[in-house]
Amino acid sequence: MRQLVDLGVEVRTGIHATNLSEQGCKLATNLSLSRKIWRLQQRLVCWPFARRPIDSVGRVIVNKDLSIPDHPEVQVIGDLANFSHQTGQPLPGVSPVAMQQGRHAARNILAMIDRGAPQRFWYFDKGSMATIGRNKAVADLKLIHLSGIPAWLAWLFVHVIFLVGFRNRLAVLFQWAWAYFSFNRAHV
């Protein structure tokens, strides 16, 4: 909660939302002595949802367009979503899946705002990588399979390139280099 406040988010606990609509919702406290009601106006709502179909590990089962059954306006992504891939198997809860789903959900939301229809999500599997220690990694990039130092360097490059901002990239490279040359196992 402290981190959200530091980011400028107003956090209110003990508040219940009612009358959710396209124009907004009403927020109310449920205190026995006094009851306060606020009107919150917005066009986009991020909302926790309960009583939705879930799989055995607690992921929400989503439609082909990342919406939930009976609610085409709700998009669920990342490791919270059980999306059956083109192969029929649920996608793993990993960053590349969440990134592709996030971009697709944003396009769907913009289309719905413009009175369009949400589109089906297609996952493009670019491969997988894992670091397993100092100078040790594996990479299955569909067309090429790497292991050892080449896979480890590819893993480092991919993770740095997806960081936002030059300063972040530079800071992470410096931290990783320091950890590597000082043999600090916590960061390599």
N, C-alpha and C. Protein backbone atom coordinates (compact mmCIF):
# COMPACT_ATOMS: atom_id res chain seq x y z
N MET A 1 0.83 -1.19 0.00
CA MET A 1 0.00 0.00 0.00
C MET A 1 0.87 1.25 0.00
N ARG A 2 1.96 1.19 0.76
CA ARG A 2 2.87 2.33 0.81
C ARG A 2 3.46 2.65 -0.56
N GLN A 3 3.79 1.60 -1.32
CA GLN A 3 4.34 1.81 -2.66
C GLN A 3 3.31 2.44 -3.58
N LEU A 4 2.05 2.05 -3.47
CA LEU A 4 1.00 2.67 -4.28
C LEU A 4 0.84 4.14 -3.93
N VAL A 5 0.86 4.45 -2.64
CA VAL A 5 0.74 5.85 -2.21
C VAL A 5 1.92 6.66 -2.74
N ASP A 6 3.13 6.09 -2.70
CA ASP A 6 4.31 6.79 -3.22
C ASP A 6 4.17 7.08 -4.72
N LEU A 7 3.40 6.25 -5.42
CA LEU A 7 3.17 6.46 -6.85
C LEU A 7 2.03 7.45 -7.12
N GLY A 8 1.40 7.94 -6.05
CA GLY A 8 0.32 8.90 -6.22
C GLY A 8 -1.06 8.29 -6.26
N VAL A 9 -1.19 7.01 -5.93
CA VAL A 9 -2.48 6.34 -5.93
C VAL A 9 -3.16 6.62 -4.59
N GLU A 10 -4.42 7.02 -4.65
CA GLU A 10 -5.20 7.23 -3.43
C GLU A 10 -5.79 5.89 -3.02
N VAL A 11 -5.40 5.38 -1.86
CA VAL A 11 -5.86 4.08 -1.39
C VAL A 11 -6.91 4.30 -0.32
N ARG A 12 -8.05 3.68 -0.51
CA ARG A 12 -9.13 3.76 0.48
C ARG A 12 -9.53 2.34 0.85
N THR A 13 -9.52 2.03 2.13
CA THR A 13 -9.93 0.71 2.59
C THR A 13 -11.30 0.83 3.25
N GLY A 14 -12.00 -0.27 3.36
CA GLY A 14 -13.33 -0.27 3.96
C GLY A 14 -14.37 0.40 3.08
N ILE A 15 -14.11 0.49 1.79
CA ILE A 15 -15.01 1.13 0.84
C ILE A 15 -15.65 0.06 -0.03
N HIS A 16 -16.93 0.21 -0.29
CA HIS A 16 -17.64 -0.74 -1.14
C HIS A 16 -18.13 -0.01 -2.39
N ALA A 17 -17.96 -0.62 -3.54
CA ALA A 17 -18.41 -0.02 -4.80
C ALA A 17 -19.78 -0.58 -5.14
N THR A 18 -20.65 0.32 -5.60
CA THR A 18 -21.98 -0.08 -6.04
C THR A 18 -22.32 0.65 -7.32
N ASN A 19 -23.37 0.22 -7.98
CA ASN A 19 -23.87 0.88 -9.18
C ASN A 19 -22.78 1.07 -10.24
N LEU A 20 -22.07 0.02 -10.55
CA LEU A 20 -21.03 0.08 -11.57
C LEU A 20 -21.66 0.21 -12.94
N SER A 21 -21.26 1.22 -13.72
CA SER A 21 -21.79 1.43 -15.06
C SER A 21 -20.71 2.03 -15.94
N GLU A 22 -21.05 2.32 -17.20
CA GLU A 22 -20.09 2.94 -18.11
C GLU A 22 -19.69 4.33 -17.65
N GLN A 23 -20.55 4.99 -16.90
CA GLN A 23 -20.26 6.35 -16.44
C GLN A 23 -19.42 6.37 -15.17
N GLY A 24 -19.37 5.30 -14.43
CA GLY A 24 -18.59 5.26 -13.20
C GLY A 24 -19.23 4.35 -12.18
N CYS A 25 -18.96 4.61 -10.91
CA CYS A 25 -19.56 3.82 -9.85
C CYS A 25 -19.68 4.68 -8.60
N LYS A 26 -20.45 4.19 -7.64
CA LYS A 26 -20.57 4.87 -6.36
C LYS A 26 -19.72 4.10 -5.35
N LEU A 27 -19.01 4.85 -4.53
CA LEU A 27 -18.21 4.27 -3.46
C LEU A 27 -18.83 4.69 -2.15
N ALA A 28 -18.98 3.75 -1.23
CA ALA A 28 -19.62 4.07 0.04
C ALA A 28 -18.92 3.36 1.19
N THR A 29 -18.84 4.06 2.32
CA THR A 29 -18.37 3.41 3.55
C THR A 29 -19.56 2.75 4.19
N ASN A 30 -19.31 1.76 4.98
CA ASN A 30 -20.41 1.04 5.62
C ASN A 30 -20.27 1.15 7.14
N LEU A 31 -20.02 2.35 7.61
CA LEU A 31 -19.88 2.57 9.04
C LEU A 31 -21.26 2.65 9.68
N SER A 32 -21.39 2.15 10.91
CA SER A 32 -22.70 2.11 11.55
C SER A 32 -23.19 3.51 11.94
N LEU A 33 -22.28 4.43 12.29
CA LEU A 33 -22.70 5.75 12.73
C LEU A 33 -22.90 6.72 11.58
N SER A 34 -22.06 6.65 10.59
CA SER A 34 -22.20 7.57 9.46
C SER A 34 -21.89 6.84 8.16
N ARG A 35 -22.54 7.26 7.12
CA ARG A 35 -22.35 6.63 5.81
C ARG A 35 -21.98 7.73 4.83
N LYS A 36 -20.82 7.57 4.17
CA LYS A 36 -20.38 8.54 3.17
C LYS A 36 -20.48 7.89 1.80
N ILE A 37 -20.90 8.67 0.82
CA ILE A 37 -21.01 8.18 -0.55
C ILE A 37 -20.24 9.11 -1.47
N TRP A 38 -19.39 8.54 -2.33
CA TRP A 38 -18.65 9.29 -3.34
C TRP A 38 -19.06 8.79 -4.71
N ARG A 39 -19.00 9.65 -5.68
CA ARG A 39 -19.25 9.26 -7.07
C ARG A 39 -17.91 9.26 -7.79
N LEU A 40 -17.53 8.15 -8.38
CA LEU A 40 -16.27 8.03 -9.10
C LEU A 40 -16.61 7.92 -10.58
N GLN A 41 -16.11 8.87 -11.37
CA GLN A 41 -16.39 8.84 -12.80
C GLN A 41 -15.15 8.37 -13.55
N GLN A 42 -15.35 7.37 -14.42
CA GLN A 42 -14.28 6.84 -15.24
C GLN A 42 -14.90 6.05 -16.37
N ARG A 43 -14.07 5.77 -17.38
CA ARG A 43 -14.54 4.95 -18.49
C ARG A 43 -13.94 3.55 -18.46
N LEU A 44 -12.92 3.33 -17.65
CA LEU A 44 -12.26 2.04 -17.57
C LEU A 44 -12.17 1.64 -16.11
N VAL A 45 -12.56 0.42 -15.81
CA VAL A 45 -12.54 -0.06 -14.43
C VAL A 45 -11.70 -1.32 -14.37
N CYS A 46 -10.74 -1.37 -13.45
CA CYS A 46 -10.01 -2.59 -13.15
C CYS A 46 -10.64 -3.13 -11.88
N TRP A 47 -11.16 -4.34 -11.95
CA TRP A 47 -12.02 -4.82 -10.88
C TRP A 47 -11.69 -6.25 -10.52
N PRO A 48 -11.55 -6.56 -9.24
CA PRO A 48 -11.37 -7.99 -8.89
C PRO A 48 -12.68 -8.72 -9.11
N PHE A 49 -12.64 -9.91 -9.66
CA PHE A 49 -13.88 -10.61 -9.93
C PHE A 49 -13.89 -11.93 -9.20
N ALA A 50 -15.00 -12.20 -8.59
CA ALA A 50 -15.18 -13.45 -7.87
C ALA A 50 -16.27 -14.24 -8.58
N ARG A 51 -16.41 -15.48 -8.19
CA ARG A 51 -17.45 -16.35 -8.72
C ARG A 51 -17.39 -16.49 -10.24
N ARG A 52 -16.21 -16.56 -10.79
CA ARG A 52 -16.01 -16.79 -12.22
C ARG A 52 -15.51 -18.21 -12.38
N PRO A 53 -15.71 -18.83 -13.53
CA PRO A 53 -15.16 -20.17 -13.73
C PRO A 53 -13.63 -20.13 -13.63
N ILE A 54 -13.09 -20.98 -12.78
CA ILE A 54 -11.63 -21.04 -12.61
C ILE A 54 -11.16 -22.48 -12.80
N ASP A 55 -9.86 -22.60 -13.10
CA ASP A 55 -9.29 -23.93 -13.27
C ASP A 55 -8.78 -24.44 -11.93
N SER A 56 -8.10 -25.58 -11.94
CA SER A 56 -7.67 -26.21 -10.70
C SER A 56 -6.60 -25.42 -9.95
N VAL A 57 -5.91 -24.49 -10.62
CA VAL A 57 -4.89 -23.69 -9.94
C VAL A 57 -5.35 -22.26 -9.68
N GLY A 58 -6.64 -21.97 -9.93
CA GLY A 58 -7.20 -20.67 -9.58
C GLY A 58 -7.18 -19.62 -10.68
N ARG A 59 -6.84 -20.02 -11.91
CA ARG A 59 -6.85 -19.06 -13.01
C ARG A 59 -8.26 -18.95 -13.58
N VAL A 60 -8.62 -17.75 -14.01
CA VAL A 60 -9.93 -17.52 -14.59
C VAL A 60 -9.95 -18.06 -16.02
N ILE A 61 -10.94 -18.84 -16.34
CA ILE A 61 -11.08 -19.39 -17.69
C ILE A 61 -11.64 -18.29 -18.59
N VAL A 62 -10.88 -17.96 -19.64
CA VAL A 62 -11.27 -16.85 -20.52
C VAL A 62 -11.66 -17.36 -21.90
N ASN A 63 -12.41 -16.51 -22.60
CA ASN A 63 -12.81 -16.80 -23.98
C ASN A 63 -11.63 -16.56 -24.92
N LYS A 64 -11.84 -16.81 -26.19
CA LYS A 64 -10.79 -16.66 -27.20
C LYS A 64 -10.33 -15.22 -27.39
N ASP A 65 -11.14 -14.25 -26.94
CA ASP A 65 -10.75 -12.83 -27.05
C ASP A 65 -10.24 -12.27 -25.72
N LEU A 66 -9.95 -13.15 -24.76
CA LEU A 66 -9.45 -12.82 -23.42
C LEU A 66 -10.53 -12.25 -22.50
N SER A 67 -11.79 -12.30 -22.91
CA SER A 67 -12.89 -11.86 -22.05
C SER A 67 -13.37 -13.04 -21.21
N ILE A 68 -14.21 -12.73 -20.23
CA ILE A 68 -14.78 -13.80 -19.42
C ILE A 68 -16.20 -14.09 -19.92
N PRO A 69 -16.68 -15.31 -19.73
CA PRO A 69 -18.02 -15.66 -20.20
C PRO A 69 -19.07 -14.68 -19.69
N ASP A 70 -19.96 -14.28 -20.58
CA ASP A 70 -21.07 -13.37 -20.30
C ASP A 70 -20.64 -11.93 -20.02
N HIS A 71 -19.35 -11.62 -20.14
CA HIS A 71 -18.88 -10.24 -19.92
C HIS A 71 -17.80 -9.91 -20.95
N PRO A 72 -18.21 -9.59 -22.18
CA PRO A 72 -17.21 -9.29 -23.22
C PRO A 72 -16.41 -8.03 -22.92
N GLU A 73 -16.87 -7.20 -22.00
CA GLU A 73 -16.15 -5.97 -21.66
C GLU A 73 -15.01 -6.19 -20.68
N VAL A 74 -14.89 -7.40 -20.13
CA VAL A 74 -13.85 -7.71 -19.14
C VAL A 74 -12.74 -8.50 -19.80
N GLN A 75 -11.51 -8.00 -19.74
CA GLN A 75 -10.35 -8.69 -20.30
C GLN A 75 -9.47 -9.19 -19.15
N VAL A 76 -9.05 -10.45 -19.22
CA VAL A 76 -8.20 -11.05 -18.19
C VAL A 76 -6.92 -11.51 -18.87
N ILE A 77 -5.77 -11.16 -18.29
CA ILE A 77 -4.49 -11.47 -18.93
C ILE A 77 -3.48 -12.03 -17.92
N GLY A 78 -2.37 -12.49 -18.45
CA GLY A 78 -1.24 -12.91 -17.63
C GLY A 78 -1.50 -14.21 -16.89
N ASP A 79 -0.84 -14.34 -15.74
CA ASP A 79 -0.95 -15.60 -15.00
C ASP A 79 -2.28 -15.74 -14.28
N LEU A 80 -3.14 -14.75 -14.39
CA LEU A 80 -4.50 -14.85 -13.83
C LEU A 80 -5.44 -15.52 -14.82
N ALA A 81 -5.06 -15.59 -16.10
CA ALA A 81 -5.93 -16.11 -17.15
C ALA A 81 -5.56 -17.53 -17.55
N ASN A 82 -6.57 -18.37 -17.71
CA ASN A 82 -6.40 -19.67 -18.33
C ASN A 82 -6.91 -19.53 -19.75
N PHE A 83 -5.99 -19.33 -20.66
CA PHE A 83 -6.32 -19.17 -22.07
C PHE A 83 -5.83 -20.40 -22.80
N SER A 84 -6.74 -21.10 -23.48
CA SER A 84 -6.33 -22.29 -24.24
C SER A 84 -5.67 -21.84 -25.53
N HIS A 85 -4.41 -22.16 -25.63
CA HIS A 85 -3.59 -21.83 -26.80
C HIS A 85 -4.11 -22.58 -28.01
N GLN A 86 -3.60 -22.21 -29.16
CA GLN A 86 -4.00 -22.87 -30.41
C GLN A 86 -3.81 -24.39 -30.32
N THR A 87 -2.91 -24.83 -29.44
CA THR A 87 -2.66 -26.27 -29.27
C THR A 87 -3.70 -26.92 -28.38
N GLY A 88 -4.53 -26.12 -27.73
CA GLY A 88 -5.53 -26.65 -26.81
C GLY A 88 -5.07 -26.67 -25.37
N GLN A 89 -3.80 -26.37 -25.13
CA GLN A 89 -3.25 -26.35 -23.78
C GLN A 89 -3.23 -24.92 -23.24
N PRO A 90 -3.44 -24.74 -21.93
CA PRO A 90 -3.36 -23.38 -21.36
C PRO A 90 -1.95 -22.82 -21.51
N LEU A 91 -1.88 -21.52 -21.76
CA LEU A 91 -0.58 -20.86 -21.85
C LEU A 91 0.05 -20.76 -20.47
N PRO A 92 1.38 -20.80 -20.39
CA PRO A 92 2.04 -20.68 -19.09
C PRO A 92 1.98 -19.25 -18.57
N GLY A 93 2.09 -19.10 -17.26
CA GLY A 93 2.06 -17.78 -16.64
C GLY A 93 3.43 -17.14 -16.65
N VAL A 94 3.91 -16.79 -17.84
CA VAL A 94 5.24 -16.18 -17.98
C VAL A 94 5.12 -14.82 -18.65
N SER A 95 6.17 -14.04 -18.52
CA SER A 95 6.19 -12.67 -19.01
C SER A 95 5.85 -12.51 -20.49
N PRO A 96 6.43 -13.30 -21.42
CA PRO A 96 6.10 -13.10 -22.83
C PRO A 96 4.60 -13.26 -23.12
N VAL A 97 3.96 -14.20 -22.45
CA VAL A 97 2.53 -14.40 -22.64
C VAL A 97 1.77 -13.16 -22.15
N ALA A 98 2.11 -12.70 -20.95
CA ALA A 98 1.43 -11.55 -20.37
C ALA A 98 1.63 -10.30 -21.21
N MET A 99 2.82 -10.11 -21.76
CA MET A 99 3.09 -8.94 -22.59
C MET A 99 2.24 -8.95 -23.86
N GLN A 100 2.17 -10.11 -24.53
CA GLN A 100 1.35 -10.20 -25.74
C GLN A 100 -0.13 -10.03 -25.41
N GLN A 101 -0.57 -10.65 -24.31
CA GLN A 101 -1.97 -10.52 -23.92
C GLN A 101 -2.30 -9.09 -23.52
N GLY A 102 -1.38 -8.42 -22.85
CA GLY A 102 -1.61 -7.03 -22.44
C GLY A 102 -1.80 -6.11 -23.63
N ARG A 103 -0.95 -6.25 -24.63
CA ARG A 103 -1.09 -5.44 -25.85
C ARG A 103 -2.42 -5.74 -26.55
N HIS A 104 -2.76 -7.03 -26.61
CA HIS A 104 -4.01 -7.42 -27.27
C HIS A 104 -5.23 -6.90 -26.49
N ALA A 105 -5.21 -7.03 -25.17
CA ALA A 105 -6.33 -6.53 -24.36
C ALA A 105 -6.48 -5.02 -24.52
N ALA A 106 -5.36 -4.30 -24.59
CA ALA A 106 -5.44 -2.84 -24.80
C ALA A 106 -6.10 -2.53 -26.13
N ARG A 107 -5.74 -3.27 -27.19
CA ARG A 107 -6.39 -3.06 -28.49
C ARG A 107 -7.88 -3.39 -28.42
N ASN A 108 -8.23 -4.47 -27.71
CA ASN A 108 -9.64 -4.82 -27.55
C ASN A 108 -10.41 -3.74 -26.80
N ILE A 109 -9.82 -3.20 -25.75
CA ILE A 109 -10.49 -2.16 -24.97
C ILE A 109 -10.70 -0.92 -25.83
N LEU A 110 -9.68 -0.52 -26.58
CA LEU A 110 -9.82 0.65 -27.46
C LEU A 110 -10.88 0.40 -28.53
N ALA A 111 -10.93 -0.81 -29.07
CA ALA A 111 -11.95 -1.14 -30.07
C ALA A 111 -13.35 -1.06 -29.45
N MET A 112 -13.50 -1.57 -28.23
CA MET A 112 -14.82 -1.53 -27.58
C MET A 112 -15.24 -0.10 -27.25
N ILE A 113 -14.28 0.74 -26.89
CA ILE A 113 -14.59 2.15 -26.64
C ILE A 113 -15.13 2.80 -27.91
N ASP A 114 -14.57 2.41 -29.05
CA ASP A 114 -15.02 2.92 -30.35
C ASP A 114 -16.19 2.13 -30.92
N ARG A 115 -16.85 1.34 -30.08
CA ARG A 115 -18.02 0.53 -30.45
C ARG A 115 -17.68 -0.63 -31.37
N GLY A 116 -16.41 -1.03 -31.39
CA GLY A 116 -16.00 -2.19 -32.18
C GLY A 116 -16.10 -3.46 -31.36
N ALA A 117 -15.79 -4.56 -31.98
CA ALA A 117 -15.84 -5.85 -31.30
C ALA A 117 -14.44 -6.30 -30.91
N PRO A 118 -14.30 -6.94 -29.74
CA PRO A 118 -12.99 -7.48 -29.37
C PRO A 118 -12.61 -8.62 -30.32
N GLN A 119 -11.32 -8.73 -30.58
CA GLN A 119 -10.81 -9.74 -31.52
C GLN A 119 -10.19 -10.92 -30.78
N ARG A 120 -10.13 -12.03 -31.47
CA ARG A 120 -9.53 -13.25 -30.92
C ARG A 120 -8.05 -13.02 -30.69
N PHE A 121 -7.53 -13.61 -29.61
CA PHE A 121 -6.11 -13.53 -29.29
C PHE A 121 -5.39 -14.74 -29.87
N TRP A 122 -4.27 -14.48 -30.53
CA TRP A 122 -3.40 -15.54 -31.03
C TRP A 122 -2.04 -15.36 -30.39
N TYR A 123 -1.54 -16.37 -29.71
CA TYR A 123 -0.23 -16.28 -29.08
C TYR A 123 0.84 -16.70 -30.06
N PHE A 124 1.89 -15.89 -30.15
CA PHE A 124 3.05 -16.22 -30.98
C PHE A 124 4.18 -16.64 -30.05
N ASP A 125 4.51 -17.92 -30.05
CA ASP A 125 5.54 -18.47 -29.18
C ASP A 125 6.91 -18.20 -29.79
N LYS A 126 7.69 -17.34 -29.14
CA LYS A 126 9.01 -16.98 -29.64
C LYS A 126 10.10 -17.88 -29.07
N GLY A 127 9.72 -18.82 -28.22
CA GLY A 127 10.69 -19.71 -27.61
C GLY A 127 10.78 -19.46 -26.11
N SER A 128 11.74 -20.12 -25.49
CA SER A 128 11.91 -19.96 -24.05
C SER A 128 13.39 -19.97 -23.68
N MET A 129 13.67 -19.31 -22.55
CA MET A 129 15.04 -19.21 -22.06
C MET A 129 15.03 -19.38 -20.55
N ALA A 130 16.12 -19.91 -20.03
CA ALA A 130 16.27 -20.01 -18.58
C ALA A 130 17.74 -19.97 -18.24
N THR A 131 18.05 -19.20 -17.21
CA THR A 131 19.42 -19.19 -16.71
C THR A 131 19.47 -20.17 -15.54
N ILE A 132 20.51 -20.95 -15.51
CA ILE A 132 20.62 -21.97 -14.46
C ILE A 132 21.90 -21.82 -13.66
N GLY A 133 22.53 -20.68 -13.77
CA GLY A 133 23.74 -20.43 -12.99
C GLY A 133 24.71 -19.54 -13.74
N ARG A 134 25.85 -19.34 -13.13
CA ARG A 134 26.88 -18.49 -13.70
C ARG A 134 27.37 -19.05 -15.04
N ASN A 135 27.19 -18.28 -16.10
CA ASN A 135 27.57 -18.68 -17.46
C ASN A 135 26.82 -19.91 -17.97
N LYS A 136 25.72 -20.24 -17.32
CA LYS A 136 24.97 -21.43 -17.71
C LYS A 136 23.51 -21.05 -17.96
N ALA A 137 23.02 -21.40 -19.13
CA ALA A 137 21.63 -21.15 -19.47
C ALA A 137 21.24 -22.06 -20.62
N VAL A 138 19.96 -22.12 -20.86
CA VAL A 138 19.44 -22.83 -22.02
C VAL A 138 18.49 -21.90 -22.74
N ALA A 139 18.43 -22.02 -24.06
CA ALA A 139 17.53 -21.21 -24.86
C ALA A 139 17.01 -22.04 -26.02
N ASP A 140 15.70 -22.13 -26.11
CA ASP A 140 15.05 -22.78 -27.23
C ASP A 140 14.31 -21.69 -27.98
N LEU A 141 14.92 -21.19 -29.06
CA LEU A 141 14.37 -20.07 -29.82
C LEU A 141 13.71 -20.54 -31.11
N LYS A 142 13.13 -21.71 -31.07
CA LYS A 142 12.45 -22.34 -32.20
C LYS A 142 13.39 -22.72 -33.33
N LEU A 143 14.09 -21.76 -33.92
CA LEU A 143 14.99 -22.06 -35.03
C LEU A 143 16.38 -22.46 -34.56
N ILE A 144 16.72 -22.07 -33.35
CA ILE A 144 18.06 -22.33 -32.84
C ILE A 144 17.97 -22.70 -31.36
N HIS A 145 18.82 -23.63 -30.97
CA HIS A 145 18.90 -24.07 -29.58
C HIS A 145 20.30 -23.72 -29.07
N LEU A 146 20.35 -23.04 -27.94
CA LEU A 146 21.62 -22.64 -27.36
C LEU A 146 21.75 -23.19 -25.94
N SER A 147 22.99 -23.34 -25.51
CA SER A 147 23.25 -23.70 -24.12
C SER A 147 24.59 -23.11 -23.72
N GLY A 148 24.82 -23.07 -22.43
CA GLY A 148 26.08 -22.54 -21.93
C GLY A 148 26.18 -21.03 -22.04
N ILE A 149 27.39 -20.54 -22.31
CA ILE A 149 27.65 -19.09 -22.35
C ILE A 149 26.83 -18.38 -23.45
N PRO A 150 26.72 -18.92 -24.66
CA PRO A 150 25.89 -18.21 -25.66
C PRO A 150 24.43 -18.03 -25.22
N ALA A 151 23.86 -19.06 -24.61
CA ALA A 151 22.48 -18.95 -24.12
C ALA A 151 22.40 -17.97 -22.97
N TRP A 152 23.40 -17.96 -22.10
CA TRP A 152 23.44 -17.05 -20.96
C TRP A 152 23.52 -15.60 -21.44
N LEU A 153 24.37 -15.32 -22.43
CA LEU A 153 24.47 -13.98 -22.99
C LEU A 153 23.18 -13.57 -23.70
N ALA A 154 22.55 -14.50 -24.41
CA ALA A 154 21.27 -14.21 -25.06
C ALA A 154 20.21 -13.88 -24.01
N TRP A 155 20.19 -14.65 -22.90
CA TRP A 155 19.24 -14.40 -21.81
C TRP A 155 19.45 -13.00 -21.24
N LEU A 156 20.72 -12.63 -20.98
CA LEU A 156 21.02 -11.30 -20.45
C LEU A 156 20.55 -10.22 -21.42
N PHE A 157 20.85 -10.38 -22.70
CA PHE A 157 20.48 -9.38 -23.71
C PHE A 157 18.96 -9.21 -23.78
N VAL A 158 18.24 -10.31 -23.84
CA VAL A 158 16.78 -10.24 -23.95
C VAL A 158 16.18 -9.55 -22.73
N HIS A 159 16.66 -9.87 -21.55
CA HIS A 159 16.11 -9.25 -20.34
C HIS A 159 16.43 -7.76 -20.25
N VAL A 160 17.59 -7.37 -20.68
CA VAL A 160 17.96 -5.95 -20.65
C VAL A 160 17.18 -5.17 -21.71
N ILE A 161 17.02 -5.74 -22.89
CA ILE A 161 16.37 -5.02 -23.98
C ILE A 161 14.90 -4.72 -23.67
N PHE A 162 14.25 -5.54 -22.87
CA PHE A 162 12.84 -5.31 -22.55
C PHE A 162 12.63 -4.39 -21.36
N LEU A 163 13.70 -3.92 -20.75
CA LEU A 163 13.55 -2.92 -19.69
C LEU A 163 13.17 -1.59 -20.32
N VAL A 164 12.38 -0.82 -19.61
CA VAL A 164 11.94 0.48 -20.12
C VAL A 164 12.96 1.54 -19.74
N GLY A 165 13.44 2.27 -20.71
CA GLY A 165 14.32 3.40 -20.47
C GLY A 165 15.80 3.06 -20.47
N PHE A 166 16.57 3.96 -21.04
CA PHE A 166 18.01 3.77 -21.13
C PHE A 166 18.65 3.71 -19.75
N ARG A 167 18.21 4.56 -18.83
CA ARG A 167 18.78 4.57 -17.47
C ARG A 167 18.59 3.23 -16.78
N ASN A 168 17.39 2.65 -16.91
CA ASN A 168 17.13 1.35 -16.30
C ASN A 168 18.04 0.28 -16.89
N ARG A 169 18.19 0.32 -18.20
CA ARG A 169 19.06 -0.67 -18.85
C ARG A 169 20.50 -0.54 -18.37
N LEU A 170 20.96 0.71 -18.32
CA LEU A 170 22.32 0.96 -17.87
C LEU A 170 22.52 0.55 -16.41
N ALA A 171 21.55 0.88 -15.56
CA ALA A 171 21.64 0.53 -14.14
C ALA A 171 21.67 -0.99 -13.95
N VAL A 172 20.82 -1.70 -14.66
CA VAL A 172 20.79 -3.16 -14.53
C VAL A 172 22.08 -3.76 -15.06
N LEU A 173 22.57 -3.28 -16.19
CA LEU A 173 23.84 -3.79 -16.71
C LEU A 173 24.97 -3.58 -15.71
N PHE A 174 25.01 -2.40 -15.10
CA PHE A 174 26.04 -2.11 -14.10
C PHE A 174 25.90 -3.04 -12.90
N GLN A 175 24.67 -3.21 -12.40
CA GLN A 175 24.45 -4.08 -11.25
C GLN A 175 24.82 -5.53 -11.57
N TRP A 176 24.44 -5.99 -12.75
CA TRP A 176 24.78 -7.36 -13.12
C TRP A 176 26.28 -7.53 -13.30
N ALA A 177 26.93 -6.55 -13.91
CA ALA A 177 28.39 -6.63 -14.09
C ALA A 177 29.08 -6.65 -12.74
N TRP A 178 28.65 -5.79 -11.84
CA TRP A 178 29.24 -5.75 -10.49
C TRP A 178 29.04 -7.10 -9.79
N ALA A 179 27.83 -7.63 -9.86
CA ALA A 179 27.54 -8.92 -9.22
C ALA A 179 28.38 -10.03 -9.87
N TYR A 180 28.54 -9.97 -11.19
CA TYR A 180 29.29 -11.00 -11.89
C TYR A 180 30.76 -10.98 -11.48
N PHE A 181 31.36 -9.80 -11.52
CA PHE A 181 32.79 -9.71 -11.23
C PHE A 181 33.12 -9.78 -9.74
N SER A 182 32.13 -9.49 -8.89
CA SER A 182 32.38 -9.59 -7.44
C SER A 182 31.90 -10.94 -6.90
N PHE A 183 31.43 -11.81 -7.78
CA PHE A 183 30.94 -13.13 -7.42
C PHE A 183 29.78 -13.08 -6.43
N ASN A 184 28.95 -12.07 -6.57
CA ASN A 184 27.74 -11.95 -5.73
C ASN A 184 26.67 -12.80 -6.36
N ARG A 185 26.36 -13.93 -5.76
CA ARG A 185 25.41 -14.90 -6.34
C ARG A 185 23.98 -14.39 -6.35
N ALA A 186 23.64 -13.43 -5.54
CA ALA A 186 22.25 -12.97 -5.43
C ALA A 186 21.77 -12.28 -6.69
N HIS A 187 22.66 -11.75 -7.52
CA HIS A 187 22.23 -10.96 -8.67
C HIS A 187 22.65 -11.54 -10.02
N VAL A 188 23.26 -12.67 -10.05
CA VAL A 188 23.69 -13.24 -11.34
C VAL A 188 22.83 -14.42 -11.68
